[in-house]
Amino acid sequence: MFYPVFFDTANNINKLNKFNPNAKYQCFLLDKNNKVVFVGNPTYSYAIWQLYKKTIDSTVIQ
């Protein structure tokens, strides 16, 4: 399965939105319409990783 990942090396998104400086909250899961459905970095927490997987699995099935 392919899931696109985007890296903003110029920090343009942060300049526009002024995100939380804590890396735990700088990861976003987007839906097919580019709407944020989940905020949190799954590399910091197994529980958040499980929520990401559950959200992705439920979205793919629909």
PDB file of N, CA and C in Angstrom:
ATOM      1  N   MET A   1       0.826  -1.173   0.000  1.00  0.00           N
ATOM      2  CA  MET A   1       0.000   0.000   0.000  1.00  0.00           C
ATOM      3  C   MET A   1       0.878   1.248   0.000  1.00  0.00           C
ATOM      4  N   PHE A   2       0.497   2.243  -0.728  1.00  0.00           N
ATOM      5  CA  PHE A   2       1.269   3.474  -0.833  1.00  0.00           C
ATOM      6  C   PHE A   2       0.555   4.600  -0.090  1.00  0.00           C
ATOM      7  N   TYR A   3       1.260   5.264   0.803  1.00  0.00           N
ATOM      8  CA  TYR A   3       0.744   6.427   1.510  1.00  0.00           C
ATOM      9  C   TYR A   3       1.715   7.576   1.276  1.00  0.00           C
ATOM     10  N   PRO A   4       1.251   8.667   0.664  1.00  0.00           N
ATOM     11  CA  PRO A   4       2.170   9.783   0.389  1.00  0.00           C
ATOM     12  C   PRO A   4       2.625  10.478   1.671  1.00  0.00           C
ATOM     13  N   VAL A   5       3.863  10.895   1.663  1.00  0.00           N
ATOM     14  CA  VAL A   5       4.449  11.640   2.768  1.00  0.00           C
ATOM     15  C   VAL A   5       5.078  12.899   2.180  1.00  0.00           C
ATOM     16  N   PHE A   6       4.841  14.025   2.816  1.00  0.00           N
ATOM     17  CA  PHE A   6       5.365  15.280   2.316  1.00  0.00           C
ATOM     18  C   PHE A   6       6.289  15.913   3.352  1.00  0.00           C
ATOM     19  N   PHE A   7       7.412  16.418   2.903  1.00  0.00           N
ATOM     20  CA  PHE A   7       8.362  17.104   3.768  1.00  0.00           C
ATOM     21  C   PHE A   7       8.458  18.559   3.321  1.00  0.00           C
ATOM     22  N   ASP A   8       8.230  19.460   4.242  1.00  0.00           N
ATOM     23  CA  ASP A   8       8.295  20.891   3.962  1.00  0.00           C
ATOM     24  C   ASP A   8       9.661  21.400   4.399  1.00  0.00           C
ATOM     25  N   THR A   9      10.651  21.243   3.557  1.00  0.00           N
ATOM     26  CA  THR A   9      12.023  21.603   3.924  1.00  0.00           C
ATOM     27  C   THR A   9      12.219  23.112   4.053  1.00  0.00           C
ATOM     28  N   ALA A  10      11.354  23.913   3.460  1.00  0.00           N
ATOM     29  CA  ALA A  10      11.462  25.371   3.560  1.00  0.00           C
ATOM     30  C   ALA A  10      10.659  25.927   4.739  1.00  0.00           C
ATOM     31  N   ASN A  11       9.964  25.049   5.473  1.00  0.00           N
ATOM     32  CA  ASN A  11       9.180  25.432   6.648  1.00  0.00           C
ATOM     33  C   ASN A  11       8.034  26.390   6.312  1.00  0.00           C
ATOM     34  N   ASN A  12       7.523  26.321   5.097  1.00  0.00           N
ATOM     35  CA  ASN A  12       6.453  27.223   4.660  1.00  0.00           C
ATOM     36  C   ASN A  12       5.145  26.991   5.415  1.00  0.00           C
ATOM     37  N   ILE A  13       4.810  25.753   5.686  1.00  0.00           N
ATOM     38  CA  ILE A  13       3.557  25.459   6.387  1.00  0.00           C
ATOM     39  C   ILE A  13       3.588  26.059   7.793  1.00  0.00           C
ATOM     40  N   ASN A  14       4.702  25.909   8.465  1.00  0.00           N
ATOM     41  CA  ASN A  14       4.819  26.477   9.809  1.00  0.00           C
ATOM     42  C   ASN A  14       4.753  28.005   9.784  1.00  0.00           C
ATOM     43  N   LYS A  15       5.350  28.613   8.791  1.00  0.00           N
ATOM     44  CA  LYS A  15       5.307  30.071   8.679  1.00  0.00           C
ATOM     45  C   LYS A  15       3.873  30.565   8.521  1.00  0.00           C
ATOM     46  N   LEU A  16       3.055  29.794   7.825  1.00  0.00           N
ATOM     47  CA  LEU A  16       1.655  30.176   7.621  1.00  0.00           C
ATOM     48  C   LEU A  16       0.777  29.876   8.833  1.00  0.00           C
ATOM     49  N   ASN A  17       1.087  28.810   9.572  1.00  0.00           N
ATOM     50  CA  ASN A  17       0.194  28.329  10.631  1.00  0.00           C
ATOM     51  C   ASN A  17       0.697  28.450  12.052  1.00  0.00           C
ATOM     52  N   LYS A  18       1.979  28.714  12.224  1.00  0.00           N
ATOM     53  CA  LYS A  18       2.582  28.854  13.562  1.00  0.00           C
ATOM     54  C   LYS A  18       2.231  27.671  14.468  1.00  0.00           C
ATOM     55  N   PHE A  19       2.690  26.497  14.058  1.00  0.00           N
ATOM     56  CA  PHE A  19       2.419  25.267  14.793  1.00  0.00           C
ATOM     57  C   PHE A  19       3.124  25.236  16.145  1.00  0.00           C
ATOM     58  N   ASN A  20       2.642  24.369  16.995  1.00  0.00           N
ATOM     59  CA  ASN A  20       3.232  24.124  18.300  1.00  0.00           C
ATOM     60  C   ASN A  20       4.696  23.704  18.105  1.00  0.00           C
ATOM     61  N   PRO A  21       5.631  24.288  18.850  1.00  0.00           N
ATOM     62  CA  PRO A  21       7.040  23.929  18.683  1.00  0.00           C
ATOM     63  C   PRO A  21       7.389  22.527  19.193  1.00  0.00           C
ATOM     64  N   ASN A  22       6.516  21.911  19.967  1.00  0.00           N
ATOM     65  CA  ASN A  22       6.744  20.568  20.480  1.00  0.00           C
ATOM     66  C   ASN A  22       6.583  19.550  19.347  1.00  0.00           C
ATOM     67  N   ALA A  23       7.630  18.781  19.072  1.00  0.00           N
ATOM     68  CA  ALA A  23       7.629  17.821  17.964  1.00  0.00           C
ATOM     69  C   ALA A  23       6.525  16.772  18.093  1.00  0.00           C
ATOM     70  N   LYS A  24       6.020  16.554  19.295  1.00  0.00           N
ATOM     71  CA  LYS A  24       4.944  15.573  19.481  1.00  0.00           C
ATOM     72  C   LYS A  24       3.661  15.987  18.762  1.00  0.00           C
ATOM     73  N   TYR A  25       3.538  17.272  18.472  1.00  0.00           N
ATOM     74  CA  TYR A  25       2.313  17.784  17.854  1.00  0.00           C
ATOM     75  C   TYR A  25       2.552  18.356  16.458  1.00  0.00           C
ATOM     76  N   GLN A  26       3.628  17.930  15.815  1.00  0.00           N
ATOM     77  CA  GLN A  26       3.951  18.444  14.482  1.00  0.00           C
ATOM     78  C   GLN A  26       3.717  17.420  13.385  1.00  0.00           C
ATOM     79  N   CYS A  27       2.996  16.385  13.695  1.00  0.00           N
ATOM     80  CA  CYS A  27       2.696  15.341  12.720  1.00  0.00           C
ATOM     81  C   CYS A  27       1.185  15.302  12.529  1.00  0.00           C
ATOM     82  N   PHE A  28       0.740  15.288  11.279  1.00  0.00           N
ATOM     83  CA  PHE A  28      -0.679  15.350  10.975  1.00  0.00           C
ATOM     84  C   PHE A  28      -1.072  14.221  10.046  1.00  0.00           C
ATOM     85  N   LEU A  29      -2.207  13.637  10.314  1.00  0.00           N
ATOM     86  CA  LEU A  29      -2.788  12.644   9.414  1.00  0.00           C
ATOM     87  C   LEU A  29      -3.923  13.344   8.680  1.00  0.00           C
ATOM     88  N   LEU A  30      -3.865  13.336   7.350  1.00  0.00           N
ATOM     89  CA  LEU A  30      -4.862  14.020   6.533  1.00  0.00           C
ATOM     90  C   LEU A  30      -5.777  13.024   5.847  1.00  0.00           C
ATOM     91  N   ASP A  31      -7.010  13.441   5.584  1.00  0.00           N
ATOM     92  CA  ASP A  31      -7.917  12.590   4.828  1.00  0.00           C
ATOM     93  C   ASP A  31      -7.721  12.856   3.339  1.00  0.00           C
ATOM     94  N   LYS A  32      -8.538  12.233   2.517  1.00  0.00           N
ATOM     95  CA  LYS A  32      -8.378  12.364   1.059  1.00  0.00           C
ATOM     96  C   LYS A  32      -8.672  13.775   0.561  1.00  0.00           C
ATOM     97  N   ASN A  33      -9.315  14.590   1.408  1.00  0.00           N
ATOM     98  CA  ASN A  33      -9.601  15.982   1.055  1.00  0.00           C
ATOM     99  C   ASN A  33      -8.616  16.952   1.703  1.00  0.00           C
ATOM    100  N   ASN A  34      -7.518  16.403   2.219  1.00  0.00           N
ATOM    101  CA  ASN A  34      -6.468  17.184   2.878  1.00  0.00           C
ATOM    102  C   ASN A  34      -6.937  17.893   4.142  1.00  0.00           C
ATOM    103  N   LYS A  35      -7.913  17.331   4.793  1.00  0.00           N
ATOM    104  CA  LYS A  35      -8.370  17.840   6.088  1.00  0.00           C
ATOM    105  C   LYS A  35      -7.654  17.065   7.189  1.00  0.00           C
ATOM    106  N   VAL A  36      -7.251  17.751   8.233  1.00  0.00           N
ATOM    107  CA  VAL A  36      -6.564  17.111   9.355  1.00  0.00           C
ATOM    108  C   VAL A  36      -7.569  16.247  10.113  1.00  0.00           C
ATOM    109  N   VAL A  37      -7.233  14.958  10.265  1.00  0.00           N
ATOM    110  CA  VAL A  37      -8.097  14.052  11.026  1.00  0.00           C
ATOM    111  C   VAL A  37      -7.436  13.612  12.325  1.00  0.00           C
ATOM    112  N   PHE A  38      -6.125  13.832  12.443  1.00  0.00           N
ATOM    113  CA  PHE A  38      -5.426  13.435  13.659  1.00  0.00           C
ATOM    114  C   PHE A  38      -4.146  14.238  13.784  1.00  0.00           C
ATOM    115  N   VAL A  39      -3.860  14.689  15.005  1.00  0.00           N
ATOM    116  CA  VAL A  39      -2.626  15.418  15.291  1.00  0.00           C
ATOM    117  C   VAL A  39      -1.879  14.659  16.374  1.00  0.00           C
ATOM    118  N   GLY A  40      -0.618  14.415  16.139  1.00  0.00           N
ATOM    119  CA  GLY A  40       0.214  13.720  17.114  1.00  0.00           C
ATOM    120  C   GLY A  40       1.265  12.901  16.391  1.00  0.00           C
ATOM    121  N   ASN A  41       2.411  12.774  16.992  1.00  0.00           N
ATOM    122  CA  ASN A  41       3.518  12.069  16.360  1.00  0.00           C
ATOM    123  C   ASN A  41       3.551  10.616  16.848  1.00  0.00           C
ATOM    124  N   PRO A  42       3.266   9.670  15.964  1.00  0.00           N
ATOM    125  CA  PRO A  42       3.217   8.262  16.381  1.00  0.00           C
ATOM    126  C   PRO A  42       4.576   7.681  16.757  1.00  0.00           C
ATOM    127  N   THR A  43       5.658   8.374  16.479  1.00  0.00           N
ATOM    128  CA  THR A  43       6.973   7.862  16.879  1.00  0.00           C
ATOM    129  C   THR A  43       7.243   8.110  18.358  1.00  0.00           C
ATOM    130  N   TYR A  44       6.439   8.937  18.991  1.00  0.00           N
ATOM    131  CA  TYR A  44       6.614   9.244  20.410  1.00  0.00           C
ATOM    132  C   TYR A  44       5.756   8.371  21.317  1.00  0.00           C
ATOM    133  N   SER A  45       4.738   7.725  20.750  1.00  0.00           N
ATOM    134  CA  SER A  45       3.807   6.984  21.590  1.00  0.00           C
ATOM    135  C   SER A  45       3.215   5.806  20.832  1.00  0.00           C
ATOM    136  N   TYR A  46       3.289   4.628  21.448  1.00  0.00           N
ATOM    137  CA  TYR A  46       2.687   3.435  20.851  1.00  0.00           C
ATOM    138  C   TYR A  46       1.171   3.604  20.750  1.00  0.00           C
ATOM    139  N   ALA A  47       0.556   4.236  21.742  1.00  0.00           N
ATOM    140  CA  ALA A  47      -0.898   4.439  21.725  1.00  0.00           C
ATOM    141  C   ALA A  47      -1.312   5.320  20.545  1.00  0.00           C
ATOM    142  N   ILE A  48      -0.539   6.366  20.285  1.00  0.00           N
ATOM    143  CA  ILE A  48      -0.845   7.233  19.140  1.00  0.00           C
ATOM    144  C   ILE A  48      -0.643   6.464  17.845  1.00  0.00           C
ATOM    145  N   TRP A  49       0.384   5.656  17.763  1.00  0.00           N
ATOM    146  CA  TRP A  49       0.614   4.826  16.579  1.00  0.00           C
ATOM    147  C   TRP A  49      -0.582   3.917  16.324  1.00  0.00           C
ATOM    148  N   GLN A  50      -1.121   3.322  17.376  1.00  0.00           N
ATOM    149  CA  GLN A  50      -2.291   2.458  17.231  1.00  0.00           C
ATOM    150  C   GLN A  50      -3.499   3.242  16.724  1.00  0.00           C
ATOM    151  N   LEU A  51      -3.670   4.479  17.205  1.00  0.00           N
ATOM    152  CA  LEU A  51      -4.767   5.319  16.724  1.00  0.00           C
ATOM    153  C   LEU A  51      -4.585   5.695  15.249  1.00  0.00           C
ATOM    154  N   TYR A  52      -3.354   5.975  14.859  1.00  0.00           N
ATOM    155  CA  TYR A  52      -3.070   6.260  13.446  1.00  0.00           C
ATOM    156  C   TYR A  52      -3.449   5.064  12.588  1.00  0.00           C
ATOM    157  N   LYS A  53      -2.997   3.882  12.986  1.00  0.00           N
ATOM    158  CA  LYS A  53      -3.302   2.677  12.197  1.00  0.00           C
ATOM    159  C   LYS A  53      -4.803   2.428  12.119  1.00  0.00           C
ATOM    160  N   LYS A  54      -5.488   2.594  13.228  1.00  0.00           N
ATOM    161  CA  LYS A  54      -6.934   2.387  13.259  1.00  0.00           C
ATOM    162  C   LYS A  54      -7.636   3.382  12.327  1.00  0.00           C
ATOM    163  N   THR A  55      -7.199   4.642  12.370  1.00  0.00           N
ATOM    164  CA  THR A  55      -7.782   5.667  11.519  1.00  0.00           C
ATOM    165  C   THR A  55      -7.504   5.382  10.045  1.00  0.00           C
ATOM    166  N   ILE A  56      -6.290   5.001   9.728  1.00  0.00           N
ATOM    167  CA  ILE A  56      -5.929   4.685   8.342  1.00  0.00           C
ATOM    168  C   ILE A  56      -6.711   3.468   7.864  1.00  0.00           C
ATOM    169  N   ASP A  57      -6.776   2.436   8.669  1.00  0.00           N
ATOM    170  CA  ASP A  57      -7.508   1.229   8.281  1.00  0.00           C
ATOM    171  C   ASP A  57      -8.973   1.519   8.044  1.00  0.00           C
ATOM    172  N   SER A  58      -9.605   2.327   8.881  1.00  0.00           N
ATOM    173  CA  SER A  58     -11.035   2.625   8.721  1.00  0.00           C
ATOM    174  C   SER A  58     -11.268   3.495   7.498  1.00  0.00           C
ATOM    175  N   THR A  59     -10.297   4.328   7.151  1.00  0.00           N
ATOM    176  CA  THR A  59     -10.422   5.194   5.980  1.00  0.00           C
ATOM    177  C   THR A  59     -10.246   4.397   4.694  1.00  0.00           C
ATOM    178  N   VAL A  60      -9.317   3.468   4.683  1.00  0.00           N
ATOM    179  CA  VAL A  60      -9.029   2.669   3.488  1.00  0.00           C
ATOM    180  C   VAL A  60     -10.214   1.765   3.175  1.00  0.00           C
ATOM    181  N   ILE A  61     -10.887   1.264   4.172  1.00  0.00           N
ATOM    182  CA  ILE A  61     -12.005   0.345   3.971  1.00  0.00           C
ATOM    183  C   ILE A  61     -13.186   1.075   3.350  1.00  0.00           C
ATOM    184  N   GLN A  62     -13.379   2.338   3.680  1.00  0.00           N
ATOM    185  CA  GLN A  62     -14.525   3.090   3.170  1.00  0.00           C
ATOM    186  C   GLN A  62     -14.348   3.309   1.736  1.00  0.00           C
TER     187      GLN A  62
END
